[in-house]
Structures are given as C-alpha cells and as structure tokens.
C-alpha atoms as a PDB file:
ATOM      1  CA  MET A   1      -9.110  -2.767 -15.700  1.00  0.00           C
ATOM      2  CA  TYR A   2      -8.269  -2.126 -12.288  1.00  0.00           C
ATOM      3  CA  LEU A   3      -7.740   1.649 -13.124  1.00  0.00           C
ATOM      4  CA  GLU A   4     -11.254   1.297 -15.148  1.00  0.00           C
ATOM      5  CA  ARG A   5     -12.663  -0.036 -11.707  1.00  0.00           C
ATOM      6  CA  LEU A   6     -11.374   2.486 -10.609  1.00  0.00           C
ATOM      7  CA  ARG A   7     -12.482   5.088 -12.749  1.00  0.00           C
ATOM      8  CA  SER A   8     -16.144   4.464 -12.714  1.00  0.00           C
ATOM      9  CA  LEU A   9     -15.323   4.474  -8.591  1.00  0.00           C
ATOM     10  CA  GLY A  10     -15.446   8.944  -9.196  1.00  0.00           C
ATOM     11  CA  LEU A  11     -11.741   8.580  -8.489  1.00  0.00           C
ATOM     12  CA  ASN A  12      -9.703  11.620 -10.183  1.00  0.00           C
ATOM     13  CA  GLU A  13      -5.727  10.936 -11.272  1.00  0.00           C
ATOM     14  CA  THR A  14      -4.577  12.364  -8.477  1.00  0.00           C
ATOM     15  CA  GLU A  15      -6.854   9.670  -6.177  1.00  0.00           C
ATOM     16  CA  ILE A  16      -5.360   6.846  -7.689  1.00  0.00           C
ATOM     17  CA  LYS A  17      -1.645   7.221  -8.532  1.00  0.00           C
ATOM     18  CA  ILE A  18      -2.536   7.398  -4.667  1.00  0.00           C
ATOM     19  CA  ILE A  19      -3.700   4.173  -4.785  1.00  0.00           C
ATOM     20  CA  LYS A  20      -0.925   3.719  -6.792  1.00  0.00           C
ATOM     21  CA  ILE A  21       1.568   4.093  -4.389  1.00  0.00           C
ATOM     22  CA  ILE A  22       0.231   2.446  -1.482  1.00  0.00           C
ATOM     23  CA  LYS A  23       0.079  -0.878  -2.825  1.00  0.00           C
ATOM     24  CA  ILE A  24       3.767  -0.081  -5.136  1.00  0.00           C
ATOM     25  CA  LEU A  25       5.217   0.444  -1.167  1.00  0.00           C
ATOM     26  CA  LYS A  26       3.496  -2.432   0.315  1.00  0.00           C
ATOM     27  CA  LYS A  27       6.422  -4.071  -1.646  1.00  0.00           C
ATOM     28  CA  SER A  28       8.964  -2.245  -0.442  1.00  0.00           C
ATOM     29  CA  GLU A  29      11.162   1.761   0.588  1.00  0.00           C
ATOM     30  CA  LEU A  30      12.044   3.873  -2.472  1.00  0.00           C
ATOM     31  CA  SER A  31      12.897   6.825  -3.961  1.00  0.00           C
ATOM     32  CA  LYS A  32       9.860   9.094  -5.967  1.00  0.00           C
ATOM     33  CA  LYS A  33      12.219   8.153  -8.878  1.00  0.00           C
ATOM     34  CA  GLN A  34      11.481   4.716  -8.530  1.00  0.00           C
ATOM     35  CA  ILE A  35       7.471   5.584  -6.957  1.00  0.00           C
ATOM     36  CA  ALA A  36       7.723   7.492 -10.762  1.00  0.00           C
ATOM     37  CA  LEU A  37       9.458   4.983 -12.899  1.00  0.00           C
ATOM     38  CA  ASP A  38       6.943   2.773 -11.440  1.00  0.00           C
ATOM     39  CA  LEU A  39       3.690   3.918 -12.695  1.00  0.00           C
ATOM     40  CA  SER A  40       4.974   4.173 -16.106  1.00  0.00           C
ATOM     41  CA  TYR A  41       7.153   7.961 -16.146  1.00  0.00           C
ATOM     42  CA  LYS A  42      10.140   9.528 -17.249  1.00  0.00           C
ATOM     43  CA  SER A  43      10.925  11.012 -14.393  1.00  0.00           C
ATOM     44  CA  ILE A  44       8.392  12.884 -11.309  1.00  0.00           C
ATOM     45  CA  ALA A  45       5.738  14.175 -13.011  1.00  0.00           C
ATOM     46  CA  GLY A  46       3.667  16.251 -10.631  1.00  0.00           C
ATOM     47  CA  ASN A  47       0.190  13.493  -9.878  1.00  0.00           C
ATOM     48  CA  VAL A  48       3.192  11.710  -7.795  1.00  0.00           C
ATOM     49  CA  LYS A  49       4.179  14.866  -5.668  1.00  0.00           C
ATOM     50  CA  LYS A  50       0.726  14.935  -5.159  1.00  0.00           C
ATOM     51  CA  GLY A  51       0.525  12.520  -4.293  1.00  0.00           C
ATOM     52  CA  ILE A  52       3.250  11.251  -1.793  1.00  0.00           C
ATOM     53  CA  GLN A  53       2.553  14.487  -0.101  1.00  0.00           C
ATOM     54  CA  ASN A  54      -0.473  13.577   0.475  1.00  0.00           C
ATOM     55  CA  LEU A  55       0.409  10.358   1.552  1.00  0.00           C
ATOM     56  CA  LEU A  56       2.892  12.549   3.652  1.00  0.00           C
ATOM     57  CA  ASN A  57       0.498  14.500   5.163  1.00  0.00           C
ATOM     58  CA  LYS A  58      -2.214  12.159   6.090  1.00  0.00           C
ATOM     59  CA  LYS A  59       0.719   9.524   7.964  1.00  0.00           C
ATOM     60  CA  ILE A  60       0.172   6.543   5.973  1.00  0.00           C
ATOM     61  CA  ILE A  61       3.718   6.278   4.600  1.00  0.00           C
ATOM     62  CA  GLN A  62       7.102   8.302   6.104  1.00  0.00           C
ATOM     63  CA  TYR A  63      10.374   9.610   5.612  1.00  0.00           C
ATOM     64  CA  THR A  64      13.541   6.866   6.026  1.00  0.00           C
ATOM     65  CA  LEU A  65      15.411   9.126   7.032  1.00  0.00           C
ATOM     66  CA  PRO A  66      12.881  11.399   9.316  1.00  0.00           C
ATOM     67  CA  GLY A  67      15.825  14.952   9.893  1.00  0.00           C
ATOM     68  CA  LYS A  68      16.840  14.941   6.293  1.00  0.00           C
ATOM     69  CA  PRO A  69      13.523  15.303   3.860  1.00  0.00           C
ATOM     70  CA  THR A  70      16.103  17.047   1.494  1.00  0.00           C
ATOM     71  CA  SER A  71      18.678  13.957   0.978  1.00  0.00           C
ATOM     72  CA  LYS A  72      19.425  12.155  -2.422  1.00  0.00           C
ATOM     73  CA  ASN A  73      18.791   8.613  -0.635  1.00  0.00           C
ATOM     74  CA  GLN A  74      15.533   9.997   0.937  1.00  0.00           C
ATOM     75  CA  LYS A  75      13.544   6.330   0.604  1.00  0.00           C
ATOM     76  CA  TYR A  76       9.630   6.645   1.475  1.00  0.00           C
ATOM     77  CA  LYS A  77       8.287   3.674   3.875  1.00  0.00           C
ATOM     78  CA  LEU A  78       4.010   2.918   4.185  1.00  0.00           C
ATOM     79  CA  VAL A  79       3.882   3.366   8.364  1.00  0.00           C
ATOM     80  CA  LYS A  80       2.863   0.304  10.602  1.00  0.00           C
ATOM     81  CA  LYS A  81      -0.218   0.033  12.225  1.00  0.00           C
ATOM     82  CA  ARG A  82      -0.883   0.627  15.732  1.00  0.00           C
ATOM     83  CA  GLU A  83      -2.687  -3.079  17.154  1.00  0.00           C
END
C-alpha cells in the first residue's frame, strides 16, 4: 500500500529508493550492503548506489568516516538538522 501510494505520486524507482533509504537510516548508521539488504536486495543494486549518491550530494546523509569514503568500514547516517 505504501509503495502504491508513492507510485501514485509519480515517483520513479530511484526516488522511491531514496525515500526508503532515508527511512532506514532514521533507525541507525548502516553500510551500503546493510542498506541493500534492508531493501531486500542480495547485493548492492544500481538504484541503491544512485540513491545513496543523490543523498550524499544533497547533504541529506553523510559518511561516518568522512576522510575515507572507500573504507570497508564506511557507513552512512542522516545529517542532523541545524536549528
């Protein structure tokens, strides 16, 4: 039902993945692999990579290890709102 509602808004698959990634990262910091698994993928799919990259570019999420973007220990977290 939730997915149908998002599609009815005219969102494409990448946009839907972005929304799902944000929802997942509200719970905890996760790696790309963990995000993919939470989205029911066996491996890191193109939509997941695009979604994460879009969120990084828009500064909605950030690296947990900013100086090491390719580290095997890299995780992602939501950027905290400034008030």
